[in-house]
Amino acid sequence: MADLPLSKARDSLLLLVDLQERLLTRFPAQERQALLDACALLLEVAAVLEVPVLCTEQYPRGLGPTVPALARLLPEGCEPLAKRGFACTAAAGFRQRLEASGASQIVLCGMEAHVCVLQSAARLLRPGRRLFLVEDAVGASQKRFKDNAIKRMRRAGVIVTNTESLIFEWLEGADDPRFRRISALLKARS
């Protein structure tokens, strides 16, 4: 019987990869907004469930900072980590913050799927750690690039999911006292 791993809030870290305005300008408006909405929802739910967050920015001097709508939702003390290498592990202080979180599960969202997200996943995969890729919270400038990246990551062992599945996995059940608050967030976003 195959293993069907579920994400657990207490074991997770949410990783936002390079959600910067200049990178987003290459996306059609509707796709851009859907990506931002999914990432915002993940940040809001992570705050309610106390899931730690890490955020990176690819060459912010040239590509600008994290989109303000998402930067406002970052937890206090979560300063985006600047990087020039494509993998998140290239950011100074990234590995230390990851290890300090104690997370055995990393939930990936951001862009671009076929570059920084893919290379981050490749560097973060290791025994004892599970990676969850939130498909509707990951973007690429072209659909075929995103599709190819998701196939590659899935073959390598990354678990591909979506925002709603992940959120309900984090909750585990309606008896969680935070269920109503999160349910209201979901309704507001639909």
C-alpha atoms as a PDB file:
ATOM      1  CA  MET A   1       0.000   0.000   0.000  1.00  0.00           C
ATOM      2  CA  ALA A   2       1.373   3.419  -0.964  1.00  0.00           C
ATOM      3  CA  ASP A   3       2.055   6.063   1.655  1.00  0.00           C
ATOM      4  CA  LEU A   4      -0.200   9.133   1.410  1.00  0.00           C
ATOM      5  CA  PRO A   5       1.569  11.742   3.523  1.00  0.00           C
ATOM      6  CA  LEU A   6      -0.456  14.593   4.959  1.00  0.00           C
ATOM      7  CA  SER A   7       0.925  17.932   5.996  1.00  0.00           C
ATOM      8  CA  LYS A   8       0.762  18.785   9.707  1.00  0.00           C
ATOM      9  CA  ALA A   9       0.775  22.397  10.868  1.00  0.00           C
ATOM     10  CA  ARG A  10       2.970  21.596  13.885  1.00  0.00           C
ATOM     11  CA  ASP A  11       5.650  20.092  11.599  1.00  0.00           C
ATOM     12  CA  SER A  12       5.459  22.672   8.794  1.00  0.00           C
ATOM     13  CA  LEU A  13       7.244  25.762   7.608  1.00  0.00           C
ATOM     14  CA  LEU A  14       5.712  27.914   4.853  1.00  0.00           C
ATOM     15  CA  LEU A  15       8.321  29.050   2.318  1.00  0.00           C
ATOM     16  CA  LEU A  16       7.456  31.965   0.020  1.00  0.00           C
ATOM     17  CA  VAL A  17       9.831  32.089  -2.921  1.00  0.00           C
ATOM     18  CA  ASP A  18      10.478  35.375  -4.744  1.00  0.00           C
ATOM     19  CA  LEU A  19       7.007  36.882  -4.922  1.00  0.00           C
ATOM     20  CA  GLN A  20       8.228  40.190  -6.300  1.00  0.00           C
ATOM     21  CA  GLU A  21       6.376  42.742  -8.397  1.00  0.00           C
ATOM     22  CA  ARG A  22       8.809  42.872 -11.315  1.00  0.00           C
ATOM     23  CA  LEU A  23       8.676  39.105 -11.715  1.00  0.00           C
ATOM     24  CA  LEU A  24       4.875  39.162 -11.553  1.00  0.00           C
ATOM     25  CA  THR A  25       4.543  41.687 -14.378  1.00  0.00           C
ATOM     26  CA  ARG A  26       5.197  38.860 -16.868  1.00  0.00           C
ATOM     27  CA  PHE A  27       2.016  37.070 -15.760  1.00  0.00           C
ATOM     28  CA  PRO A  28      -1.476  37.725 -17.167  1.00  0.00           C
ATOM     29  CA  ALA A  29      -3.498  39.821 -14.691  1.00  0.00           C
ATOM     30  CA  GLN A  30      -5.964  37.054 -13.789  1.00  0.00           C
ATOM     31  CA  GLU A  31      -3.215  34.491 -13.189  1.00  0.00           C
ATOM     32  CA  ARG A  32      -1.180  37.003 -11.186  1.00  0.00           C
ATOM     33  CA  GLN A  33      -4.137  37.778  -8.913  1.00  0.00           C
ATOM     34  CA  ALA A  34      -4.967  34.097  -8.390  1.00  0.00           C
ATOM     35  CA  LEU A  35      -1.357  33.394  -7.373  1.00  0.00           C
ATOM     36  CA  LEU A  36      -1.297  36.333  -4.951  1.00  0.00           C
ATOM     37  CA  ASP A  37      -4.657  35.363  -3.457  1.00  0.00           C
ATOM     38  CA  ALA A  38      -3.519  31.773  -2.847  1.00  0.00           C
ATOM     39  CA  CYS A  39      -0.274  32.921  -1.221  1.00  0.00           C
ATOM     40  CA  ALA A  40      -2.106  35.495   0.907  1.00  0.00           C
ATOM     41  CA  LEU A  41      -4.535  32.845   2.114  1.00  0.00           C
ATOM     42  CA  LEU A  42      -1.654  30.542   3.044  1.00  0.00           C
ATOM     43  CA  LEU A  43      -0.018  33.369   5.004  1.00  0.00           C
ATOM     44  CA  GLU A  44      -3.250  34.185   6.832  1.00  0.00           C
ATOM     45  CA  VAL A  45      -3.860  30.565   7.784  1.00  0.00           C
ATOM     46  CA  ALA A  46      -0.212  30.101   8.794  1.00  0.00           C
ATOM     47  CA  ALA A  47      -0.631  33.053  11.167  1.00  0.00           C
ATOM     48  CA  VAL A  48      -3.729  31.531  12.767  1.00  0.00           C
ATOM     49  CA  LEU A  49      -2.106  28.101  13.131  1.00  0.00           C
ATOM     50  CA  GLU A  50       1.297  29.522  14.141  1.00  0.00           C
ATOM     51  CA  VAL A  51       3.136  27.912  11.234  1.00  0.00           C
ATOM     52  CA  PRO A  52       6.546  29.570  10.830  1.00  0.00           C
ATOM     53  CA  VAL A  53       7.264  31.416   7.585  1.00  0.00           C
ATOM     54  CA  LEU A  54      10.401  32.084   5.558  1.00  0.00           C
ATOM     55  CA  CYS A  55      10.447  34.427   2.576  1.00  0.00           C
ATOM     56  CA  THR A  56      13.101  34.993  -0.074  1.00  0.00           C
ATOM     57  CA  GLU A  57      13.680  37.663  -2.680  1.00  0.00           C
ATOM     58  CA  GLN A  58      15.698  37.160  -5.848  1.00  0.00           C
ATOM     59  CA  TYR A  59      18.106  40.061  -6.313  1.00  0.00           C
ATOM     60  CA  PRO A  60      15.783  42.632  -4.687  1.00  0.00           C
ATOM     61  CA  ARG A  61      18.014  45.519  -5.757  1.00  0.00           C
ATOM     62  CA  GLY A  62      17.073  44.803  -9.370  1.00  0.00           C
ATOM     63  CA  LEU A  63      13.712  43.021  -9.029  1.00  0.00           C
ATOM     64  CA  GLY A  64      12.290  44.960  -6.101  1.00  0.00           C
ATOM     65  CA  PRO A  65      10.860  43.754  -2.801  1.00  0.00           C
ATOM     66  CA  THR A  66       8.133  41.244  -2.021  1.00  0.00           C
ATOM     67  CA  VAL A  67       4.722  42.399  -3.266  1.00  0.00           C
ATOM     68  CA  PRO A  68       3.336  44.775  -0.594  1.00  0.00           C
ATOM     69  CA  ALA A  69       0.044  42.855  -0.240  1.00  0.00           C
ATOM     70  CA  LEU A  70       2.038  39.793   0.856  1.00  0.00           C
ATOM     71  CA  ALA A  71       4.781  41.642   2.746  1.00  0.00           C
ATOM     72  CA  ARG A  72       2.079  43.050   5.055  1.00  0.00           C
ATOM     73  CA  LEU A  73       1.028  39.499   5.923  1.00  0.00           C
ATOM     74  CA  LEU A  74       4.494  38.260   6.860  1.00  0.00           C
ATOM     75  CA  PRO A  75       4.767  37.492  10.569  1.00  0.00           C
ATOM     76  CA  GLU A  76       6.592  39.942  12.787  1.00  0.00           C
ATOM     77  CA  GLY A  77      10.327  39.410  12.505  1.00  0.00           C
ATOM     78  CA  CYS A  78      10.086  37.579   9.172  1.00  0.00           C
ATOM     79  CA  GLU A  79      12.361  39.715   7.046  1.00  0.00           C
ATOM     80  CA  PRO A  80      12.729  38.472   3.466  1.00  0.00           C
ATOM     81  CA  LEU A  81      16.122  36.948   2.753  1.00  0.00           C
ATOM     82  CA  ALA A  82      17.895  38.343  -0.302  1.00  0.00           C
ATOM     83  CA  LYS A  83      19.625  35.938  -2.657  1.00  0.00           C
ATOM     84  CA  ARG A  84      21.374  35.928  -5.990  1.00  0.00           C
ATOM     85  CA  GLY A  85      21.543  32.170  -6.422  1.00  0.00           C
ATOM     86  CA  PHE A  86      18.298  30.649  -7.643  1.00  0.00           C
ATOM     87  CA  ALA A  87      17.788  28.143  -4.800  1.00  0.00           C
ATOM     88  CA  CYS A  88      16.562  29.534  -1.477  1.00  0.00           C
ATOM     89  CA  THR A  89      19.473  27.831   0.202  1.00  0.00           C
ATOM     90  CA  ALA A  90      21.723  30.457  -1.448  1.00  0.00           C
ATOM     91  CA  ALA A  91      20.318  33.175   0.829  1.00  0.00           C
ATOM     92  CA  ALA A  92      22.550  34.091   3.760  1.00  0.00           C
ATOM     93  CA  GLY A  93      20.955  32.847   6.968  1.00  0.00           C
ATOM     94  CA  PHE A  94      18.409  30.616   5.235  1.00  0.00           C
ATOM     95  CA  ARG A  95      19.704  27.280   6.530  1.00  0.00           C
ATOM     96  CA  GLN A  96      20.029  28.620  10.073  1.00  0.00           C
ATOM     97  CA  ARG A  97      16.442  29.900  10.095  1.00  0.00           C
ATOM     98  CA  LEU A  98      15.185  26.654   8.587  1.00  0.00           C
ATOM     99  CA  GLU A  99      16.960  24.539  11.197  1.00  0.00           C
ATOM    100  CA  ALA A 100      15.828  26.858  14.024  1.00  0.00           C
ATOM    101  CA  SER A 101      12.200  26.329  12.959  1.00  0.00           C
ATOM    102  CA  GLY A 102      12.463  22.602  13.672  1.00  0.00           C
ATOM    103  CA  ALA A 103      10.172  21.931  10.688  1.00  0.00           C
ATOM    104  CA  SER A 104      10.277  18.499   9.078  1.00  0.00           C
ATOM    105  CA  GLN A 105       7.844  19.616   6.360  1.00  0.00           C
ATOM    106  CA  ILE A 106       8.378  22.536   3.994  1.00  0.00           C
ATOM    107  CA  VAL A 107       5.415  23.975   2.142  1.00  0.00           C
ATOM    108  CA  LEU A 108       6.580  25.671  -1.050  1.00  0.00           C
ATOM    109  CA  CYS A 109       4.843  28.482  -2.895  1.00  0.00           C
ATOM    110  CA  GLY A 110       6.061  31.292  -5.119  1.00  0.00           C
ATOM    111  CA  MET A 111       7.810  31.627  -8.434  1.00  0.00           C
ATOM    112  CA  GLU A 112       9.071  30.861 -10.848  1.00  0.00           C
ATOM    113  CA  ALA A 113       8.167  27.188 -10.666  1.00  0.00           C
ATOM    114  CA  HIS A 114      10.783  26.061 -13.185  1.00  0.00           C
ATOM    115  CA  VAL A 115      13.653  28.120 -11.782  1.00  0.00           C
ATOM    116  CA  CYS A 116      13.801  29.198  -8.140  1.00  0.00           C
ATOM    117  CA  VAL A 117      11.057  26.911  -6.800  1.00  0.00           C
ATOM    118  CA  LEU A 118      12.443  23.868  -8.631  1.00  0.00           C
ATOM    119  CA  GLN A 119      16.040  24.528  -7.597  1.00  0.00           C
ATOM    120  CA  SER A 120      14.971  25.192  -4.000  1.00  0.00           C
ATOM    121  CA  ALA A 121      13.088  21.903  -3.910  1.00  0.00           C
ATOM    122  CA  ALA A 122      16.133  20.078  -5.282  1.00  0.00           C
ATOM    123  CA  ARG A 123      18.337  21.518  -2.525  1.00  0.00           C
ATOM    124  CA  LEU A 124      15.798  20.977   0.265  1.00  0.00           C
ATOM    125  CA  LEU A 125      14.883  17.345  -0.443  1.00  0.00           C
ATOM    126  CA  ARG A 126      16.575  15.047   2.026  1.00  0.00           C
ATOM    127  CA  PRO A 127      15.687  11.993   4.122  1.00  0.00           C
ATOM    128  CA  GLY A 128      13.439  12.872   7.046  1.00  0.00           C
ATOM    129  CA  ARG A 129      12.029  15.988   5.382  1.00  0.00           C
ATOM    130  CA  ARG A 130       8.894  16.214   3.254  1.00  0.00           C
ATOM    131  CA  LEU A 131       8.259  18.932   0.699  1.00  0.00           C
ATOM    132  CA  PHE A 132       4.730  19.991  -0.220  1.00  0.00           C
ATOM    133  CA  LEU A 133       4.314  22.078  -3.378  1.00  0.00           C
ATOM    134  CA  VAL A 134       1.104  24.124  -3.389  1.00  0.00           C
ATOM    135  CA  GLU A 135       0.256  23.945  -7.079  1.00  0.00           C
ATOM    136  CA  ASP A 136      -2.185  26.877  -7.205  1.00  0.00           C
ATOM    137  CA  ALA A 137       0.249  29.037  -5.185  1.00  0.00           C
ATOM    138  CA  VAL A 138       3.122  28.507  -7.635  1.00  0.00           C
ATOM    139  CA  GLY A 139       3.546  30.370 -10.881  1.00  0.00           C
ATOM    140  CA  ALA A 140       5.663  30.520 -14.001  1.00  0.00           C
ATOM    141  CA  SER A 141       5.713  32.896 -16.928  1.00  0.00           C
ATOM    142  CA  GLN A 142       4.506  30.074 -19.181  1.00  0.00           C
ATOM    143  CA  LYS A 143       2.121  27.235 -18.337  1.00  0.00           C
ATOM    144  CA  ARG A 144       4.327  24.634 -20.001  1.00  0.00           C
ATOM    145  CA  PHE A 145       7.263  25.645 -17.784  1.00  0.00           C
ATOM    146  CA  LYS A 146       5.122  25.264 -14.661  1.00  0.00           C
ATOM    147  CA  ASP A 147       3.714  21.909 -15.813  1.00  0.00           C
ATOM    148  CA  ASN A 148       7.188  20.554 -16.553  1.00  0.00           C
ATOM    149  CA  ALA A 149       8.577  21.751 -13.212  1.00  0.00           C
ATOM    150  CA  ILE A 150       5.706  20.156 -11.291  1.00  0.00           C
ATOM    151  CA  LYS A 151       6.242  16.845 -13.092  1.00  0.00           C
ATOM    152  CA  ARG A 152       9.959  16.910 -12.305  1.00  0.00           C
ATOM    153  CA  MET A 153       9.405  17.757  -8.637  1.00  0.00           C
ATOM    154  CA  ARG A 154       6.681  15.121  -8.242  1.00  0.00           C
ATOM    155  CA  ARG A 155       8.989  12.447  -9.720  1.00  0.00           C
ATOM    156  CA  ALA A 156      11.689  13.479  -7.252  1.00  0.00           C
ATOM    157  CA  GLY A 157       9.350  12.973  -4.290  1.00  0.00           C
ATOM    158  CA  VAL A 158       7.793  16.396  -3.747  1.00  0.00           C
ATOM    159  CA  ILE A 159       4.148  16.074  -2.712  1.00  0.00           C
ATOM    160  CA  VAL A 160       1.947  18.219  -4.957  1.00  0.00           C
ATOM    161  CA  THR A 161      -1.166  19.652  -3.314  1.00  0.00           C
ATOM    162  CA  ASN A 162      -3.401  22.743  -3.425  1.00  0.00           C
ATOM    163  CA  THR A 163      -4.235  25.495  -0.942  1.00  0.00           C
ATOM    164  CA  GLU A 164      -7.536  24.096   0.261  1.00  0.00           C
ATOM    165  CA  SER A 165      -6.262  20.528   0.727  1.00  0.00           C
ATOM    166  CA  LEU A 166      -3.244  21.795   2.612  1.00  0.00           C
ATOM    167  CA  ILE A 167      -5.297  24.052   4.877  1.00  0.00           C
ATOM    168  CA  PHE A 168      -7.672  21.243   5.840  1.00  0.00           C
ATOM    169  CA  GLU A 169      -4.719  18.913   6.433  1.00  0.00           C
ATOM    170  CA  TRP A 170      -3.255  21.537   8.767  1.00  0.00           C
ATOM    171  CA  LEU A 171      -6.587  21.771  10.618  1.00  0.00           C
ATOM    172  CA  GLU A 172      -7.074  17.987  10.824  1.00  0.00           C
ATOM    173  CA  GLY A 173     -10.729  18.378  11.856  1.00  0.00           C
ATOM    174  CA  ALA A 174     -13.631  20.736  12.504  1.00  0.00           C
ATOM    175  CA  ASP A 175     -13.177  20.309  16.246  1.00  0.00           C
ATOM    176  CA  ASP A 176     -10.065  22.502  16.139  1.00  0.00           C
ATOM    177  CA  PRO A 177     -11.027  25.740  17.942  1.00  0.00           C
ATOM    178  CA  ARG A 178      -9.498  27.738  15.058  1.00  0.00           C
ATOM    179  CA  PHE A 179     -11.725  26.053  12.459  1.00  0.00           C
ATOM    180  CA  ARG A 180     -14.345  28.842  12.377  1.00  0.00           C
ATOM    181  CA  ARG A 181     -11.746  31.554  11.916  1.00  0.00           C
ATOM    182  CA  ILE A 182     -10.081  29.661   9.071  1.00  0.00           C
ATOM    183  CA  SER A 183     -13.432  28.764   7.536  1.00  0.00           C
ATOM    184  CA  ALA A 184     -14.246  32.487   7.462  1.00  0.00           C
ATOM    185  CA  LEU A 185     -10.938  33.183   5.695  1.00  0.00           C
ATOM    186  CA  LEU A 186     -11.763  30.529   3.076  1.00  0.00           C
ATOM    187  CA  LYS A 187     -15.248  31.943   2.498  1.00  0.00           C
ATOM    188  CA  ALA A 188     -13.902  35.479   2.167  1.00  0.00           C
ATOM    189  CA  ARG A 189     -11.450  34.334  -0.521  1.00  0.00           C
ATOM    190  CA  SER A 190     -13.952  32.329  -2.604  1.00  0.00           C
END
